[in-house]
């Protein structure tokens, strides 16, 4: 998983699975039966094969997963409880060896992530392949300009335009030879939504 170095000092990284947008987390699927652990709930939406592969990869490497990922028409991907979960139960436990550790700086992290995504046989392939496509990964760094008027908040629109101008400057200065601007914009958006404490 994508974490900063300070966040991987624990033997196990206990995190919410980051293959889905944060706003979609923690939806509960199904209702408890008299013995809720006997059968999984019927979940809405469609399976997400890449996410299923990632969850199986986590389990195969000693992790624990109590969630399922589904694609909801018109809403995108969301995480659901795979069975009835009691208060205090873990949603997921991800071993530290599966954590994709990056530089503290968003831009260097983004370059690292892009390079890893282009690496054949990457040990993080199940995670990388489960990340949202560029058309699904919105953030202050990668918000379609045609959508800006819908915000109807001039200071926020200006701030997002400033984000984009600054990112373009960073790309021209440091990363132009490594990735095109759209690629850096995409990976910065991914990083900014997955690092602890990120606001974008």
Protein backbone atom coordinates (compact mmCIF):
# COMPACT_ATOMS: atom_id res chain seq x y z
CA UNK A 1 0.00 0.00 0.00
CA UNK A 2 1.10 3.54 -0.55
CA UNK A 3 2.42 4.95 2.73
CA UNK A 4 5.02 7.44 3.88
CA UNK A 5 8.15 6.09 5.63
CA UNK A 6 6.99 7.29 9.04
CA UNK A 7 3.81 5.29 8.69
CA UNK A 8 5.51 1.93 8.19
CA UNK A 9 7.39 1.71 11.48
CA UNK A 10 4.75 -0.72 12.79
CA UNK A 11 5.23 -4.41 12.12
CA UNK A 12 1.83 -4.48 10.47
CA UNK A 13 0.24 -1.58 8.62
CA UNK A 14 -3.44 -1.55 9.49
CA UNK A 15 -5.13 0.60 6.87
CA UNK A 16 -8.35 0.91 4.94
CA UNK A 17 -7.83 -0.52 1.48
CA UNK A 18 -6.88 2.32 -0.80
CA UNK A 19 -8.11 0.89 -4.09
CA UNK A 20 -11.32 2.90 -3.60
CA UNK A 21 -11.93 6.58 -3.00
CA UNK A 22 -12.11 7.52 0.66
CA UNK A 23 -15.64 8.89 0.34
CA UNK A 24 -16.91 5.43 -0.64
CA UNK A 25 -15.43 3.49 2.29
CA UNK A 26 -17.24 1.80 5.14
CA UNK A 27 -20.50 0.91 3.40
CA UNK A 28 -22.00 -2.17 4.99
CA UNK A 29 -23.32 -4.98 2.81
CA UNK A 30 -26.18 -7.17 4.00
CA UNK A 31 -27.72 -7.59 7.42
CA UNK A 32 -26.74 -9.97 10.22
CA UNK A 33 -28.53 -13.31 10.46
CA UNK A 34 -28.97 -15.32 13.66
CA UNK A 35 -25.41 -16.51 13.10
CA UNK A 36 -23.97 -13.74 10.89
CA UNK A 37 -20.67 -15.49 10.18
CA UNK A 38 -22.36 -18.50 8.52
CA UNK A 39 -22.99 -16.89 5.14
CA UNK A 40 -21.73 -13.78 3.33
CA UNK A 41 -24.24 -11.04 2.52
CA UNK A 42 -25.53 -10.49 -0.97
CA UNK A 43 -23.55 -7.49 -2.15
CA UNK A 44 -24.76 -4.88 -4.64
CA UNK A 45 -22.98 -3.94 -7.83
CA UNK A 46 -20.47 -5.93 -9.86
CA UNK A 47 -17.22 -7.61 -8.85
CA UNK A 48 -13.96 -5.79 -9.60
CA UNK A 49 -11.59 -8.55 -10.78
CA UNK A 50 -8.39 -6.54 -10.21
CA UNK A 51 -9.47 -5.71 -6.67
CA UNK A 52 -10.32 -9.37 -6.00
CA UNK A 53 -6.81 -10.33 -7.12
CA UNK A 54 -5.34 -7.69 -4.80
CA UNK A 55 -7.36 -8.92 -1.80
CA UNK A 56 -6.29 -12.51 -2.46
CA UNK A 57 -2.67 -11.33 -2.75
CA UNK A 58 -2.93 -9.71 0.68
CA UNK A 59 -4.32 -12.89 2.23
CA UNK A 60 -1.69 -15.07 0.55
CA UNK A 61 1.03 -12.94 2.15
CA UNK A 62 -0.32 -13.22 5.67
CA UNK A 63 -2.79 -10.34 5.73
CA UNK A 64 -6.44 -10.36 6.69
CA UNK A 65 -9.32 -8.96 4.68
CA UNK A 66 -12.93 -8.60 5.84
CA UNK A 67 -14.13 -6.49 2.93
CA UNK A 68 -15.12 -6.84 -0.71
CA UNK A 69 -14.87 -4.31 -3.54
CA UNK A 70 -17.79 -3.76 -5.87
CA UNK A 71 -18.47 -1.38 -8.75
CA UNK A 72 -21.77 0.45 -8.34
CA UNK A 73 -23.34 1.74 -11.58
CA UNK A 74 -23.20 5.52 -11.69
CA UNK A 75 -21.22 5.74 -8.43
CA UNK A 76 -17.88 4.03 -9.00
CA UNK A 77 -16.12 1.57 -6.73
CA UNK A 78 -16.92 1.07 -3.07
CA UNK A 79 -15.86 -1.16 -0.20
CA UNK A 80 -18.46 -3.35 1.50
CA UNK A 81 -18.30 -5.65 4.48
CA UNK A 82 -17.77 -9.21 3.26
CA UNK A 83 -19.71 -10.49 6.29
CA UNK A 84 -21.23 -9.06 9.44
CA UNK A 85 -18.59 -7.02 11.24
CA UNK A 86 -18.80 -6.25 14.92
CA UNK A 87 -17.72 -2.90 16.34
CA UNK A 88 -13.97 -3.01 16.86
CA UNK A 89 -13.31 -5.69 14.22
CA UNK A 90 -10.48 -5.04 11.77
CA UNK A 91 -11.48 -4.27 8.19
CA UNK A 92 -8.04 -5.20 6.89
CA UNK A 93 -4.54 -5.96 8.12
CA UNK A 94 -1.83 -5.47 5.50
CA UNK A 95 1.67 -6.82 6.19
CA UNK A 96 4.41 -4.22 6.04
CA UNK A 97 6.20 -6.13 3.27
CA UNK A 98 3.30 -5.32 0.95
CA UNK A 99 3.49 -1.58 1.62
CA UNK A 100 4.75 0.49 -1.29
CA UNK A 101 6.96 3.01 0.52
CA UNK A 102 7.60 6.34 -1.16
CA UNK A 103 9.39 9.60 -0.59
CA UNK A 104 7.65 12.10 1.72
CA UNK A 105 7.42 14.59 -1.17
CA UNK A 106 4.26 14.20 -3.28
CA UNK A 107 6.07 14.85 -6.56
CA UNK A 108 8.96 12.44 -5.96
CA UNK A 109 6.43 9.90 -4.67
CA UNK A 110 4.44 10.33 -7.85
CA UNK A 111 7.49 9.77 -10.02
CA UNK A 112 8.33 6.64 -7.99
CA UNK A 113 4.79 5.36 -8.39
CA UNK A 114 4.75 5.98 -12.14
CA UNK A 115 8.10 4.22 -12.55
CA UNK A 116 6.82 1.23 -10.54
CA UNK A 117 3.65 1.09 -12.64
CA UNK A 118 5.85 0.76 -15.75
CA UNK A 119 8.07 -1.96 -14.24
CA UNK A 120 7.37 -5.43 -15.71
CA UNK A 121 6.95 -7.99 -12.97
CA UNK A 122 6.69 -5.44 -10.17
CA UNK A 123 6.21 -7.18 -6.81
CA UNK A 124 3.39 -4.68 -6.18
CA UNK A 125 1.57 -5.54 -9.40
CA UNK A 126 -1.66 -6.74 -7.72
CA UNK A 127 -1.95 -3.41 -5.89
CA UNK A 128 -0.94 -1.27 -8.86
CA UNK A 129 -3.38 -3.00 -11.19
CA UNK A 130 -6.23 -2.37 -8.73
CA UNK A 131 -5.68 1.39 -8.63
CA UNK A 132 -8.33 3.57 -10.30
CA UNK A 133 -7.89 4.44 -13.95
CA UNK A 134 -6.97 8.03 -14.77
CA UNK A 135 -10.60 8.76 -15.66
CA UNK A 136 -11.61 7.75 -12.11
CA UNK A 137 -8.85 9.46 -10.13
CA UNK A 138 -9.96 13.00 -9.35
CA UNK A 139 -8.14 15.31 -6.98
CA UNK A 140 -7.18 18.96 -6.70
CA UNK A 141 -4.19 18.09 -8.88
CA UNK A 142 -6.16 16.39 -11.64
CA UNK A 143 -9.61 17.93 -11.82
CA UNK A 144 -11.03 18.36 -15.34
CA UNK A 145 -11.14 22.04 -16.22
CA UNK A 146 -14.56 21.61 -17.81
CA UNK A 147 -15.89 20.70 -14.36
CA UNK A 148 -14.56 23.80 -12.58
CA UNK A 149 -17.64 25.97 -13.22
CA UNK A 150 -19.75 23.32 -11.49
CA UNK A 151 -17.96 24.02 -8.21
CA UNK A 152 -19.50 27.50 -8.07
CA UNK A 153 -16.86 28.62 -5.62
CA UNK A 154 -14.40 31.12 -7.11
CA UNK A 155 -11.69 30.82 -4.40
CA UNK A 156 -11.73 27.03 -4.73
CA UNK A 157 -11.63 27.24 -8.54
CA UNK A 158 -8.64 29.61 -8.31
CA UNK A 159 -6.91 27.31 -5.84
CA UNK A 160 -7.32 24.31 -8.12
CA UNK A 161 -6.01 26.29 -11.08
CA UNK A 162 -3.00 27.27 -8.93
CA UNK A 163 -2.44 23.58 -8.10
CA UNK A 164 -2.36 22.75 -11.78
CA UNK A 165 -0.02 25.62 -12.70
CA UNK A 166 2.39 24.69 -9.92
CA UNK A 167 2.29 21.02 -10.89
CA UNK A 168 3.04 21.96 -14.49
CA UNK A 169 6.05 23.96 -13.29
CA UNK A 170 7.28 20.99 -11.22
CA UNK A 171 6.83 18.69 -14.20
CA UNK A 172 8.80 20.98 -16.55
CA UNK A 173 11.56 21.45 -13.99
CA UNK A 174 12.06 17.90 -12.74
CA UNK A 175 10.02 15.22 -14.49
CA UNK A 176 9.54 16.09 -18.16
CA UNK A 177 11.99 13.39 -19.22
CA UNK A 178 10.31 10.72 -17.05
CA UNK A 179 6.61 11.10 -17.81
CA UNK A 180 4.26 13.37 -19.70
CA UNK A 181 2.23 15.93 -17.77
CA UNK A 182 -1.00 13.90 -17.77
CA UNK A 183 0.85 10.92 -16.31
CA UNK A 184 2.36 12.97 -13.50
CA UNK A 185 -1.01 14.62 -12.87
CA UNK A 186 -2.63 11.20 -12.58
CA UNK A 187 -0.05 9.74 -10.21
CA UNK A 188 0.10 12.88 -8.04
CA UNK A 189 -3.67 12.55 -7.68
CA UNK A 190 -3.29 8.91 -6.63
CA UNK A 191 -0.56 9.70 -4.13
CA UNK A 192 -2.34 12.69 -2.62
CA UNK A 193 -5.42 10.55 -1.85
CA UNK A 194 -3.48 7.66 -0.34
CA UNK A 195 -0.80 9.11 1.89
CA UNK A 196 -1.70 9.57 5.57
CA UNK A 197 -2.82 13.13 6.24
CA UNK A 198 -3.37 13.98 2.57
CA UNK A 199 -5.98 16.68 2.02
CA UNK A 200 -6.44 16.50 -1.75
